[in-house]
Amino acid sequence: MNMQKRWVDDMLDLYNAAKRLRDDPWAQTIMEALEAGYEASEHNEQTRKQTLLEKRLIEIDARLNLLRKEFEQAESVKSRQQLYEQAIKLQVERAQIEEERKRHLDSINSS
């Protein structure tokens, strides 16, 4: 069991104890802590996703630069065609990631 799940389980146990004791202020405090923990967790997940997308864009850019250099040095039409096809696939993936990144940022900004 990871630490976050354990923390939530412990907080829910405390919440249930507060309810059994009819201590509504304590129960409310626990619920607020749970909500804050959820929001922090959600923010961390969004940041992680954004970082992964940015890392993949950097990888694609590096690969595209390498393909460009290989293309310039390629001697046969066939090898140039293969390099061109690889570059097109990477450019499509890059565009998809940019769109996903934009949607992700829009969802963060609208929250």
C-alpha atoms as a PDB file:
ATOM      1  CA  MET A   1       0.000   0.000   0.000  1.00  0.00           C
ATOM      2  CA  ASN A   2       1.483   3.325  -0.967  1.00  0.00           C
ATOM      3  CA  MET A   3       1.802   6.214   1.463  1.00  0.00           C
ATOM      4  CA  GLN A   4      -0.903   8.317  -0.146  1.00  0.00           C
ATOM      5  CA  LYS A   5      -3.487   5.539   0.038  1.00  0.00           C
ATOM      6  CA  ARG A   6      -2.494   4.798   3.629  1.00  0.00           C
ATOM      7  CA  TRP A   7      -2.882   8.495   4.508  1.00  0.00           C
ATOM      8  CA  VAL A   8      -6.370   8.576   2.970  1.00  0.00           C
ATOM      9  CA  ASP A   9      -7.340   5.379   4.798  1.00  0.00           C
ATOM     10  CA  ASP A  10      -6.072   6.790   8.106  1.00  0.00           C
ATOM     11  CA  MET A  11      -7.919  10.060   7.560  1.00  0.00           C
ATOM     12  CA  LEU A  12     -11.140   8.195   6.744  1.00  0.00           C
ATOM     13  CA  ASP A  13     -10.731   6.156   9.932  1.00  0.00           C
ATOM     14  CA  LEU A  14     -10.348   9.397  11.879  1.00  0.00           C
ATOM     15  CA  TYR A  15     -13.359  10.869  10.105  1.00  0.00           C
ATOM     16  CA  ASN A  16     -15.472   7.837  11.016  1.00  0.00           C
ATOM     17  CA  ALA A  17     -14.271   8.072  14.621  1.00  0.00           C
ATOM     18  CA  ALA A  18     -15.207  11.760  14.727  1.00  0.00           C
ATOM     19  CA  LYS A  19     -18.663  10.957  13.361  1.00  0.00           C
ATOM     20  CA  ARG A  20     -19.165   8.162  15.910  1.00  0.00           C
ATOM     21  CA  LEU A  21     -18.203  10.616  18.653  1.00  0.00           C
ATOM     22  CA  ARG A  22     -20.539  13.202  17.085  1.00  0.00           C
ATOM     23  CA  ASP A  23     -17.664  15.662  16.953  1.00  0.00           C
ATOM     24  CA  ASP A  24     -18.748  17.580  13.857  1.00  0.00           C
ATOM     25  CA  PRO A  25     -16.029  20.266  14.008  1.00  0.00           C
ATOM     26  CA  TRP A  26     -13.346  17.562  14.099  1.00  0.00           C
ATOM     27  CA  ALA A  27     -15.058  15.665  11.263  1.00  0.00           C
ATOM     28  CA  GLN A  28     -15.196  18.881   9.221  1.00  0.00           C
ATOM     29  CA  THR A  29     -11.496  19.543   9.836  1.00  0.00           C
ATOM     30  CA  ILE A  30     -10.648  16.026   8.679  1.00  0.00           C
ATOM     31  CA  MET A  31     -12.823  16.407   5.569  1.00  0.00           C
ATOM     32  CA  GLU A  32     -11.087  19.693   4.715  1.00  0.00           C
ATOM     33  CA  ALA A  33      -7.699  17.997   5.085  1.00  0.00           C
ATOM     34  CA  LEU A  34      -8.845  15.193   2.768  1.00  0.00           C
ATOM     35  CA  GLU A  35     -10.041  17.704   0.174  1.00  0.00           C
ATOM     36  CA  ALA A  36      -6.764  19.626   0.367  1.00  0.00           C
ATOM     37  CA  GLY A  37      -4.827  16.379   0.016  1.00  0.00           C
ATOM     38  CA  TYR A  38      -6.878  15.408  -3.033  1.00  0.00           C
ATOM     39  CA  GLU A  39      -6.293  18.789  -4.671  1.00  0.00           C
ATOM     40  CA  ALA A  40      -2.548  18.556  -4.020  1.00  0.00           C
ATOM     41  CA  SER A  41      -2.481  15.040  -5.438  1.00  0.00           C
ATOM     42  CA  GLU A  42      -4.402  16.159  -8.520  1.00  0.00           C
ATOM     43  CA  HIS A  43      -1.981  19.059  -9.031  1.00  0.00           C
ATOM     44  CA  ASN A  44       1.005  16.700  -8.739  1.00  0.00           C
ATOM     45  CA  GLU A  45      -0.529  14.358 -11.324  1.00  0.00           C
ATOM     46  CA  GLN A  46      -1.153  17.228 -13.741  1.00  0.00           C
ATOM     47  CA  THR A  47       2.428  18.416 -13.303  1.00  0.00           C
ATOM     48  CA  ARG A  48       3.720  14.881 -13.902  1.00  0.00           C
ATOM     49  CA  LYS A  49       1.689  14.553 -17.116  1.00  0.00           C
ATOM     50  CA  GLN A  50       2.905  17.932 -18.349  1.00  0.00           C
ATOM     51  CA  THR A  51       6.518  16.973 -17.630  1.00  0.00           C
ATOM     52  CA  LEU A  52       6.157  13.685 -19.528  1.00  0.00           C
ATOM     53  CA  LEU A  53       4.687  15.465 -22.545  1.00  0.00           C
ATOM     54  CA  GLU A  54       7.479  18.040 -22.546  1.00  0.00           C
ATOM     55  CA  LYS A  55      10.104  15.302 -22.227  1.00  0.00           C
ATOM     56  CA  ARG A  56       8.630  13.450 -25.204  1.00  0.00           C
ATOM     57  CA  LEU A  57       8.649  16.660 -27.282  1.00  0.00           C
ATOM     58  CA  ILE A  58      12.344  17.118 -26.515  1.00  0.00           C
ATOM     59  CA  GLU A  59      13.023  13.507 -27.550  1.00  0.00           C
ATOM     60  CA  ILE A  60      11.127  13.991 -30.812  1.00  0.00           C
ATOM     61  CA  ASP A  61      12.970  17.232 -31.595  1.00  0.00           C
ATOM     62  CA  ALA A  62      16.323  15.551 -30.998  1.00  0.00           C
ATOM     63  CA  ARG A  63      15.341  12.637 -33.236  1.00  0.00           C
ATOM     64  CA  LEU A  64      14.122  15.004 -35.971  1.00  0.00           C
ATOM     65  CA  ASN A  65      17.459  16.851 -35.891  1.00  0.00           C
ATOM     66  CA  LEU A  66      19.303  13.571 -36.206  1.00  0.00           C
ATOM     67  CA  LEU A  67      17.079  12.478 -39.100  1.00  0.00           C
ATOM     68  CA  ARG A  68      17.721  15.798 -40.867  1.00  0.00           C
ATOM     69  CA  LYS A  69      21.481  15.240 -40.633  1.00  0.00           C
ATOM     70  CA  GLU A  70      21.124  11.642 -41.827  1.00  0.00           C
ATOM     71  CA  PHE A  71      18.932  12.838 -44.701  1.00  0.00           C
ATOM     72  CA  GLU A  72      21.588  15.340 -45.810  1.00  0.00           C
ATOM     73  CA  GLN A  73      24.216  12.589 -45.840  1.00  0.00           C
ATOM     74  CA  ALA A  74      22.053   9.880 -47.410  1.00  0.00           C
ATOM     75  CA  GLU A  75      23.228   8.839 -50.841  1.00  0.00           C
ATOM     76  CA  SER A  76      20.333   6.778 -52.138  1.00  0.00           C
ATOM     77  CA  VAL A  77      16.800   7.856 -52.926  1.00  0.00           C
ATOM     78  CA  LYS A  78      15.476   4.855 -51.001  1.00  0.00           C
ATOM     79  CA  SER A  79      17.277   5.758 -47.778  1.00  0.00           C
ATOM     80  CA  ARG A  80      16.162   9.394 -48.113  1.00  0.00           C
ATOM     81  CA  GLN A  81      12.588   8.212 -48.592  1.00  0.00           C
ATOM     82  CA  GLN A  82      12.790   6.064 -45.439  1.00  0.00           C
ATOM     83  CA  LEU A  83      14.231   8.942 -43.416  1.00  0.00           C
ATOM     84  CA  TYR A  84      11.548  11.267 -44.757  1.00  0.00           C
ATOM     85  CA  GLU A  85       8.803   8.808 -43.728  1.00  0.00           C
ATOM     86  CA  GLN A  86      10.259   8.520 -40.231  1.00  0.00           C
ATOM     87  CA  ALA A  87      10.364  12.305 -39.951  1.00  0.00           C
ATOM     88  CA  ILE A  88       6.732  12.624 -41.060  1.00  0.00           C
ATOM     89  CA  LYS A  89       5.633  10.090 -38.417  1.00  0.00           C
ATOM     90  CA  LEU A  90       7.524  12.005 -35.738  1.00  0.00           C
ATOM     91  CA  GLN A  91       6.039  15.311 -36.884  1.00  0.00           C
ATOM     92  CA  VAL A  92       2.542  13.823 -36.669  1.00  0.00           C
ATOM     93  CA  GLU A  93       3.286  12.523 -33.172  1.00  0.00           C
ATOM     94  CA  ARG A  94       4.683  15.929 -32.230  1.00  0.00           C
ATOM     95  CA  ALA A  95       1.514  17.664 -33.434  1.00  0.00           C
ATOM     96  CA  GLN A  96      -0.630  15.205 -31.451  1.00  0.00           C
ATOM     97  CA  ILE A  97       1.410  15.801 -28.305  1.00  0.00           C
ATOM     98  CA  GLU A  98       1.206  19.574 -28.780  1.00  0.00           C
ATOM     99  CA  GLU A  99      -2.580  19.275 -29.079  1.00  0.00           C
ATOM    100  CA  GLU A 100      -2.761  17.064 -25.977  1.00  0.00           C
ATOM    101  CA  ARG A 101      -0.540  19.510 -24.118  1.00  0.00           C
ATOM    102  CA  LYS A 102      -2.773  22.412 -25.154  1.00  0.00           C
ATOM    103  CA  ARG A 103      -5.910  20.550 -23.977  1.00  0.00           C
ATOM    104  CA  HIS A 104      -4.171  19.711 -20.712  1.00  0.00           C
ATOM    105  CA  LEU A 105      -3.167  23.344 -20.116  1.00  0.00           C
ATOM    106  CA  ASP A 106      -6.669  24.539 -21.036  1.00  0.00           C
ATOM    107  CA  SER A 107      -8.187  22.115 -18.517  1.00  0.00           C
ATOM    108  CA  ILE A 108      -5.816  23.363 -15.812  1.00  0.00           C
ATOM    109  CA  ASN A 109      -6.606  26.999 -16.594  1.00  0.00           C
ATOM    110  CA  SER A 110     -10.360  26.383 -16.605  1.00  0.00           C
ATOM    111  CA  SER A 111     -10.268  24.747 -13.155  1.00  0.00           C
END
